[in-house]
């Protein structure tokens, strides 16, 4: 595996331990709705870490509440969600140290990119505040779907798929890697340990 040249990182759960903060934000965002409905959304959110807030808001209304929702209303809720999370997640305490250390030590050895389900504007803001921006050739997020983001990274940079890996913490990340024919490495999710490639700790396991 010494031929790996390009690394695409998911963000939430791989670089930033943001999942608890983002989970609680959904509870605050929809606090006026029935508790059991909110918890159904939280479960969906936990099972679909790589999916954007726009899809999750739409799912909450259409699938859980059986209500229609306009694109403007989705955007309104998504913006409110941003207000509940963006500033909090600029706190360095949320950085996953061994992953960030690996990035800082190896960014000159690989072409590094971020492909996240997080809102792209929020993502770039958080990376800038955490002084992470300079380590990545591109920082990409929603509303573009992750499999499309990965495809765009491959196409725009003319990367060889055999020289590219995607590191993620959700089944959605795995599916994005599969859809684009690149190798996947699971991280920070016990449900992914059964996969062929899994990173238990960046400090102790160089995956390539």
C-alpha atoms as a PDB file:
ATOM      1  CA  UNK A   1       0.000   0.000   0.000  1.00  0.00           C
ATOM      2  CA  UNK A   2       3.017   2.255  -0.337  1.00  0.00           C
ATOM      3  CA  UNK A   3       1.571   3.668  -3.564  1.00  0.00           C
ATOM      4  CA  UNK A   4      -1.069   5.797  -1.778  1.00  0.00           C
ATOM      5  CA  UNK A   5      -0.669   9.426  -2.810  1.00  0.00           C
ATOM      6  CA  UNK A   6      -4.079  11.007  -2.118  1.00  0.00           C
ATOM      7  CA  UNK A   7      -6.071  11.007   1.133  1.00  0.00           C
ATOM      8  CA  UNK A   8      -9.660  12.221   1.366  1.00  0.00           C
ATOM      9  CA  UNK A   9     -10.796  12.791   4.949  1.00  0.00           C
ATOM     10  CA  UNK A  10     -14.292  12.960   6.303  1.00  0.00           C
ATOM     11  CA  UNK A  11     -14.445  15.714   8.933  1.00  0.00           C
ATOM     12  CA  UNK A  12     -16.955  15.037  11.711  1.00  0.00           C
ATOM     13  CA  UNK A  13     -15.800  12.075  13.759  1.00  0.00           C
ATOM     14  CA  UNK A  14     -12.445  11.856  11.980  1.00  0.00           C
ATOM     15  CA  UNK A  15     -10.808  15.258  12.428  1.00  0.00           C
ATOM     16  CA  UNK A  16     -13.284  16.823  14.843  1.00  0.00           C
ATOM     17  CA  UNK A  17     -15.160  15.104  17.679  1.00  0.00           C
ATOM     18  CA  UNK A  18     -18.287  17.029  16.808  1.00  0.00           C
ATOM     19  CA  UNK A  19     -20.930  14.301  16.837  1.00  0.00           C
ATOM     20  CA  UNK A  20     -22.215  14.873  20.418  1.00  0.00           C
ATOM     21  CA  UNK A  21     -22.490  18.646  19.836  1.00  0.00           C
ATOM     22  CA  UNK A  22     -24.289  18.184  16.529  1.00  0.00           C
ATOM     23  CA  UNK A  23     -26.611  15.545  17.967  1.00  0.00           C
ATOM     24  CA  UNK A  24     -27.679  17.826  20.796  1.00  0.00           C
ATOM     25  CA  UNK A  25     -28.219  20.639  18.285  1.00  0.00           C
ATOM     26  CA  UNK A  26     -30.961  18.625  16.578  1.00  0.00           C
ATOM     27  CA  UNK A  27     -32.723  18.234  19.926  1.00  0.00           C
ATOM     28  CA  UNK A  28     -32.561  22.003  20.476  1.00  0.00           C
ATOM     29  CA  UNK A  29     -33.546  22.799  16.911  1.00  0.00           C
ATOM     30  CA  UNK A  30     -36.787  20.805  17.100  1.00  0.00           C
ATOM     31  CA  UNK A  31     -37.500  21.048  20.825  1.00  0.00           C
ATOM     32  CA  UNK A  32     -41.133  22.070  20.233  1.00  0.00           C
ATOM     33  CA  UNK A  33     -41.872  18.713  18.570  1.00  0.00           C
ATOM     34  CA  UNK A  34     -42.742  15.450  20.366  1.00  0.00           C
ATOM     35  CA  UNK A  35     -39.796  13.850  22.136  1.00  0.00           C
ATOM     36  CA  UNK A  36     -40.191  10.476  20.436  1.00  0.00           C
ATOM     37  CA  UNK A  37     -40.140  12.109  16.995  1.00  0.00           C
ATOM     38  CA  UNK A  38     -36.974  14.022  17.840  1.00  0.00           C
ATOM     39  CA  UNK A  39     -35.312  10.825  19.027  1.00  0.00           C
ATOM     40  CA  UNK A  40     -36.202   9.141  15.739  1.00  0.00           C
ATOM     41  CA  UNK A  41     -34.355  11.950  13.992  1.00  0.00           C
ATOM     42  CA  UNK A  42     -31.396  11.591  16.358  1.00  0.00           C
ATOM     43  CA  UNK A  43     -31.237   7.874  15.574  1.00  0.00           C
ATOM     44  CA  UNK A  44     -31.320   8.626  11.836  1.00  0.00           C
ATOM     45  CA  UNK A  45     -28.619  11.256  12.331  1.00  0.00           C
ATOM     46  CA  UNK A  46     -26.395   8.813  14.242  1.00  0.00           C
ATOM     47  CA  UNK A  47     -26.783   6.129  11.598  1.00  0.00           C
ATOM     48  CA  UNK A  48     -26.107   8.526   8.728  1.00  0.00           C
ATOM     49  CA  UNK A  49     -23.182  10.635   9.811  1.00  0.00           C
ATOM     50  CA  UNK A  50     -22.094  11.488   6.289  1.00  0.00           C
ATOM     51  CA  UNK A  51     -25.448  12.887   5.157  1.00  0.00           C
ATOM     52  CA  UNK A  52     -26.038  16.638   5.158  1.00  0.00           C
ATOM     53  CA  UNK A  53     -28.303  18.565   7.527  1.00  0.00           C
ATOM     54  CA  UNK A  54     -30.476  19.545   4.556  1.00  0.00           C
ATOM     55  CA  UNK A  55     -31.381  15.906   3.931  1.00  0.00           C
ATOM     56  CA  UNK A  56     -31.875  15.235   7.646  1.00  0.00           C
ATOM     57  CA  UNK A  57     -34.239  18.180   8.076  1.00  0.00           C
ATOM     58  CA  UNK A  58     -36.227  17.058   5.059  1.00  0.00           C
ATOM     59  CA  UNK A  59     -36.303  13.491   6.391  1.00  0.00           C
ATOM     60  CA  UNK A  60     -37.577  14.707   9.760  1.00  0.00           C
ATOM     61  CA  UNK A  61     -40.553  16.492   8.264  1.00  0.00           C
ATOM     62  CA  UNK A  62     -41.433  14.192   5.396  1.00  0.00           C
ATOM     63  CA  UNK A  63     -40.631  10.750   6.808  1.00  0.00           C
ATOM     64  CA  UNK A  64     -41.001  11.155  10.574  1.00  0.00           C
ATOM     65  CA  UNK A  65     -43.685  13.835  10.827  1.00  0.00           C
ATOM     66  CA  UNK A  66     -45.356  13.062   7.469  1.00  0.00           C
ATOM     67  CA  UNK A  67     -45.434  16.758   6.663  1.00  0.00           C
ATOM     68  CA  UNK A  68     -44.421  18.618   3.538  1.00  0.00           C
ATOM     69  CA  UNK A  69     -41.643  21.174   3.791  1.00  0.00           C
ATOM     70  CA  UNK A  70     -40.473  23.783   1.287  1.00  0.00           C
ATOM     71  CA  UNK A  71     -36.858  24.364   0.271  1.00  0.00           C
ATOM     72  CA  UNK A  72     -36.999  27.756   2.009  1.00  0.00           C
ATOM     73  CA  UNK A  73     -38.120  26.138   5.251  1.00  0.00           C
ATOM     74  CA  UNK A  74     -35.355  23.550   4.988  1.00  0.00           C
ATOM     75  CA  UNK A  75     -32.845  26.349   4.547  1.00  0.00           C
ATOM     76  CA  UNK A  76     -34.241  28.225   7.541  1.00  0.00           C
ATOM     77  CA  UNK A  77     -33.834  25.208   9.812  1.00  0.00           C
ATOM     78  CA  UNK A  78     -30.388  24.481   8.395  1.00  0.00           C
ATOM     79  CA  UNK A  79     -29.275  28.044   9.114  1.00  0.00           C
ATOM     80  CA  UNK A  80     -30.578  27.805  12.654  1.00  0.00           C
ATOM     81  CA  UNK A  81     -28.692  24.537  13.057  1.00  0.00           C
ATOM     82  CA  UNK A  82     -25.558  26.346  11.930  1.00  0.00           C
ATOM     83  CA  UNK A  83     -26.103  28.974  14.631  1.00  0.00           C
ATOM     84  CA  UNK A  84     -26.343  26.226  17.240  1.00  0.00           C
ATOM     85  CA  UNK A  85     -23.099  24.505  16.230  1.00  0.00           C
ATOM     86  CA  UNK A  86     -20.647  26.623  14.238  1.00  0.00           C
ATOM     87  CA  UNK A  87     -19.080  28.777  16.950  1.00  0.00           C
ATOM     88  CA  UNK A  88     -18.992  25.987  19.518  1.00  0.00           C
ATOM     89  CA  UNK A  89     -17.062  23.724  17.162  1.00  0.00           C
ATOM     90  CA  UNK A  90     -14.267  26.252  16.677  1.00  0.00           C
ATOM     91  CA  UNK A  91     -13.047  25.246  20.146  1.00  0.00           C
ATOM     92  CA  UNK A  92      -9.759  23.318  19.746  1.00  0.00           C
ATOM     93  CA  UNK A  93     -10.837  20.868  22.459  1.00  0.00           C
ATOM     94  CA  UNK A  94     -12.950  19.055  19.873  1.00  0.00           C
ATOM     95  CA  UNK A  95     -10.029  18.209  17.596  1.00  0.00           C
ATOM     96  CA  UNK A  96      -9.132  14.511  17.453  1.00  0.00           C
ATOM     97  CA  UNK A  97      -5.476  14.812  18.329  1.00  0.00           C
ATOM     98  CA  UNK A  98      -3.965  11.725  16.743  1.00  0.00           C
ATOM     99  CA  UNK A  99      -5.715  12.375  13.409  1.00  0.00           C
ATOM    100  CA  UNK A 100      -4.761  16.065  13.435  1.00  0.00           C
ATOM    101  CA  UNK A 101      -1.162  15.219  14.368  1.00  0.00           C
ATOM    102  CA  UNK A 102      -0.997  12.760  11.475  1.00  0.00           C
ATOM    103  CA  UNK A 103      -2.299  15.429   9.092  1.00  0.00           C
ATOM    104  CA  UNK A 104       0.194  18.041  10.285  1.00  0.00           C
ATOM    105  CA  UNK A 105       3.092  15.603  10.053  1.00  0.00           C
ATOM    106  CA  UNK A 106       2.175  14.181   6.645  1.00  0.00           C
ATOM    107  CA  UNK A 107       0.414  16.881   4.620  1.00  0.00           C
ATOM    108  CA  UNK A 108       3.521  17.382   2.496  1.00  0.00           C
ATOM    109  CA  UNK A 109       3.729  13.656   1.759  1.00  0.00           C
ATOM    110  CA  UNK A 110       0.177  13.240   0.443  1.00  0.00           C
ATOM    111  CA  UNK A 111      -2.439  15.255  -1.415  1.00  0.00           C
ATOM    112  CA  UNK A 112      -5.026  15.829   1.319  1.00  0.00           C
ATOM    113  CA  UNK A 113      -8.666  16.850   0.891  1.00  0.00           C
ATOM    114  CA  UNK A 114     -11.786  17.054   3.059  1.00  0.00           C
ATOM    115  CA  UNK A 115     -15.099  15.595   1.877  1.00  0.00           C
ATOM    116  CA  UNK A 116     -17.775  16.174   4.488  1.00  0.00           C
ATOM    117  CA  UNK A 117     -21.518  16.050   4.959  1.00  0.00           C
ATOM    118  CA  UNK A 118     -21.225  19.281   6.946  1.00  0.00           C
ATOM    119  CA  UNK A 119     -22.261  22.563   5.364  1.00  0.00           C
ATOM    120  CA  UNK A 120     -19.340  23.745   3.254  1.00  0.00           C
ATOM    121  CA  UNK A 121     -19.402  27.346   4.493  1.00  0.00           C
ATOM    122  CA  UNK A 122     -19.452  26.227   8.131  1.00  0.00           C
ATOM    123  CA  UNK A 123     -16.734  23.688   7.401  1.00  0.00           C
ATOM    124  CA  UNK A 124     -14.386  26.261   5.905  1.00  0.00           C
ATOM    125  CA  UNK A 125     -15.098  28.679   8.768  1.00  0.00           C
ATOM    126  CA  UNK A 126     -14.308  26.039  11.403  1.00  0.00           C
ATOM    127  CA  UNK A 127     -11.146  24.900   9.621  1.00  0.00           C
ATOM    128  CA  UNK A 128      -9.944  28.488   9.373  1.00  0.00           C
ATOM    129  CA  UNK A 129     -10.578  29.128  13.072  1.00  0.00           C
ATOM    130  CA  UNK A 130      -8.746  25.919  13.985  1.00  0.00           C
ATOM    131  CA  UNK A 131      -5.857  26.799  11.606  1.00  0.00           C
ATOM    132  CA  UNK A 132      -6.366  23.597   9.622  1.00  0.00           C
ATOM    133  CA  UNK A 133      -7.052  25.123   6.215  1.00  0.00           C
ATOM    134  CA  UNK A 134      -3.463  25.153   4.971  1.00  0.00           C
ATOM    135  CA  UNK A 135      -3.085  21.384   5.300  1.00  0.00           C
ATOM    136  CA  UNK A 136      -5.719  20.609   2.648  1.00  0.00           C
ATOM    137  CA  UNK A 137      -5.784  21.199  -1.085  1.00  0.00           C
ATOM    138  CA  UNK A 138      -9.583  21.519  -0.919  1.00  0.00           C
ATOM    139  CA  UNK A 139     -12.308  21.596   1.735  1.00  0.00           C
ATOM    140  CA  UNK A 140     -15.663  20.365   0.456  1.00  0.00           C
ATOM    141  CA  UNK A 141     -19.077  19.970   2.069  1.00  0.00           C
ATOM    142  CA  UNK A 142     -22.835  19.978   1.587  1.00  0.00           C
ATOM    143  CA  UNK A 143     -25.208  20.619  -0.028  1.00  0.00           C
ATOM    144  CA  UNK A 144     -23.180  18.630  -2.599  1.00  0.00           C
ATOM    145  CA  UNK A 145     -23.547  14.922  -1.796  1.00  0.00           C
ATOM    146  CA  UNK A 146     -20.446  13.140  -0.582  1.00  0.00           C
ATOM    147  CA  UNK A 147     -20.175  10.672  -3.450  1.00  0.00           C
ATOM    148  CA  UNK A 148     -20.275  13.645  -5.848  1.00  0.00           C
ATOM    149  CA  UNK A 149     -17.639  15.476  -3.803  1.00  0.00           C
ATOM    150  CA  UNK A 150     -15.319  12.492  -4.004  1.00  0.00           C
ATOM    151  CA  UNK A 151     -15.918  12.174  -7.749  1.00  0.00           C
ATOM    152  CA  UNK A 152     -15.154  15.872  -8.221  1.00  0.00           C
ATOM    153  CA  UNK A 153     -11.908  15.595  -6.260  1.00  0.00           C
ATOM    154  CA  UNK A 154     -10.807  12.652  -8.404  1.00  0.00           C
ATOM    155  CA  UNK A 155     -11.800  14.309 -11.676  1.00  0.00           C
ATOM    156  CA  UNK A 156     -10.526  17.827 -11.014  1.00  0.00           C
ATOM    157  CA  UNK A 157      -7.125  16.570  -9.869  1.00  0.00           C
ATOM    158  CA  UNK A 158      -6.872  13.679 -12.322  1.00  0.00           C
ATOM    159  CA  UNK A 159      -6.117  11.318  -9.445  1.00  0.00           C
ATOM    160  CA  UNK A 160      -5.539   7.621  -9.974  1.00  0.00           C
ATOM    161  CA  UNK A 161      -8.206   5.770  -7.982  1.00  0.00           C
ATOM    162  CA  UNK A 162      -5.698   3.084  -7.005  1.00  0.00           C
ATOM    163  CA  UNK A 163      -3.597   5.770  -5.330  1.00  0.00           C
ATOM    164  CA  UNK A 164      -6.491   7.325  -3.382  1.00  0.00           C
ATOM    165  CA  UNK A 165      -8.091   6.467  -0.030  1.00  0.00           C
ATOM    166  CA  UNK A 166     -11.109   7.838   1.822  1.00  0.00           C
ATOM    167  CA  UNK A 167     -11.080   7.838   5.624  1.00  0.00           C
ATOM    168  CA  UNK A 168     -14.464   8.059   7.330  1.00  0.00           C
ATOM    169  CA  UNK A 169     -16.495   7.105  10.373  1.00  0.00           C
ATOM    170  CA  UNK A 170     -19.821   6.172   8.792  1.00  0.00           C
ATOM    171  CA  UNK A 171     -21.376   3.732   6.360  1.00  0.00           C
ATOM    172  CA  UNK A 172     -22.145   6.707   4.115  1.00  0.00           C
ATOM    173  CA  UNK A 173     -18.416   7.354   3.803  1.00  0.00           C
ATOM    174  CA  UNK A 174     -17.864   3.712   2.904  1.00  0.00           C
ATOM    175  CA  UNK A 175     -20.587   3.919   0.259  1.00  0.00           C
ATOM    176  CA  UNK A 176     -19.045   7.086  -1.213  1.00  0.00           C
ATOM    177  CA  UNK A 177     -15.700   5.307  -1.493  1.00  0.00           C
ATOM    178  CA  UNK A 178     -17.324   2.254  -3.083  1.00  0.00           C
ATOM    179  CA  UNK A 179     -19.260   4.382  -5.571  1.00  0.00           C
ATOM    180  CA  UNK A 180     -16.021   5.997  -6.733  1.00  0.00           C
ATOM    181  CA  UNK A 181     -13.801   2.925  -6.720  1.00  0.00           C
ATOM    182  CA  UNK A 182     -11.356   4.132  -4.074  1.00  0.00           C
ATOM    183  CA  UNK A 183     -10.114   2.308  -1.005  1.00  0.00           C
ATOM    184  CA  UNK A 184     -11.910   2.996   2.291  1.00  0.00           C
ATOM    185  CA  UNK A 185     -10.499   3.083   5.804  1.00  0.00           C
ATOM    186  CA  UNK A 186     -12.902   3.122   8.728  1.00  0.00           C
ATOM    187  CA  UNK A 187     -12.130   5.118  11.852  1.00  0.00           C
ATOM    188  CA  UNK A 188     -13.797   5.928  15.186  1.00  0.00           C
ATOM    189  CA  UNK A 189     -16.809   3.653  14.685  1.00  0.00           C
ATOM    190  CA  UNK A 190     -16.914   0.126  16.098  1.00  0.00           C
ATOM    191  CA  UNK A 191     -19.478  -0.882  13.495  1.00  0.00           C
ATOM    192  CA  UNK A 192     -16.795  -0.435  10.820  1.00  0.00           C
ATOM    193  CA  UNK A 193     -14.143  -2.611  12.473  1.00  0.00           C
ATOM    194  CA  UNK A 194     -15.421  -5.643  10.553  1.00  0.00           C
ATOM    195  CA  UNK A 195     -14.317  -4.002   7.301  1.00  0.00           C
ATOM    196  CA  UNK A 196     -11.007  -5.035   5.784  1.00  0.00           C
ATOM    197  CA  UNK A 197      -9.293  -1.724   6.547  1.00  0.00           C
ATOM    198  CA  UNK A 198      -9.703   0.038   9.890  1.00  0.00           C
ATOM    199  CA  UNK A 199      -7.558   2.597  11.688  1.00  0.00           C
ATOM    200  CA  UNK A 200      -7.602   2.061  15.448  1.00  0.00           C
ATOM    201  CA  UNK A 201      -5.154   4.851  16.164  1.00  0.00           C
ATOM    202  CA  UNK A 202      -3.242   7.115  13.794  1.00  0.00           C
ATOM    203  CA  UNK A 203      -0.350   7.280  16.238  1.00  0.00           C
ATOM    204  CA  UNK A 204       0.204   3.546  16.247  1.00  0.00           C
ATOM    205  CA  UNK A 205      -0.999   2.516  12.807  1.00  0.00           C
ATOM    206  CA  UNK A 206       0.266   4.055   9.617  1.00  0.00           C
ATOM    207  CA  UNK A 207      -2.276   2.777   7.143  1.00  0.00           C
ATOM    208  CA  UNK A 208      -0.150   3.311   4.085  1.00  0.00           C
END
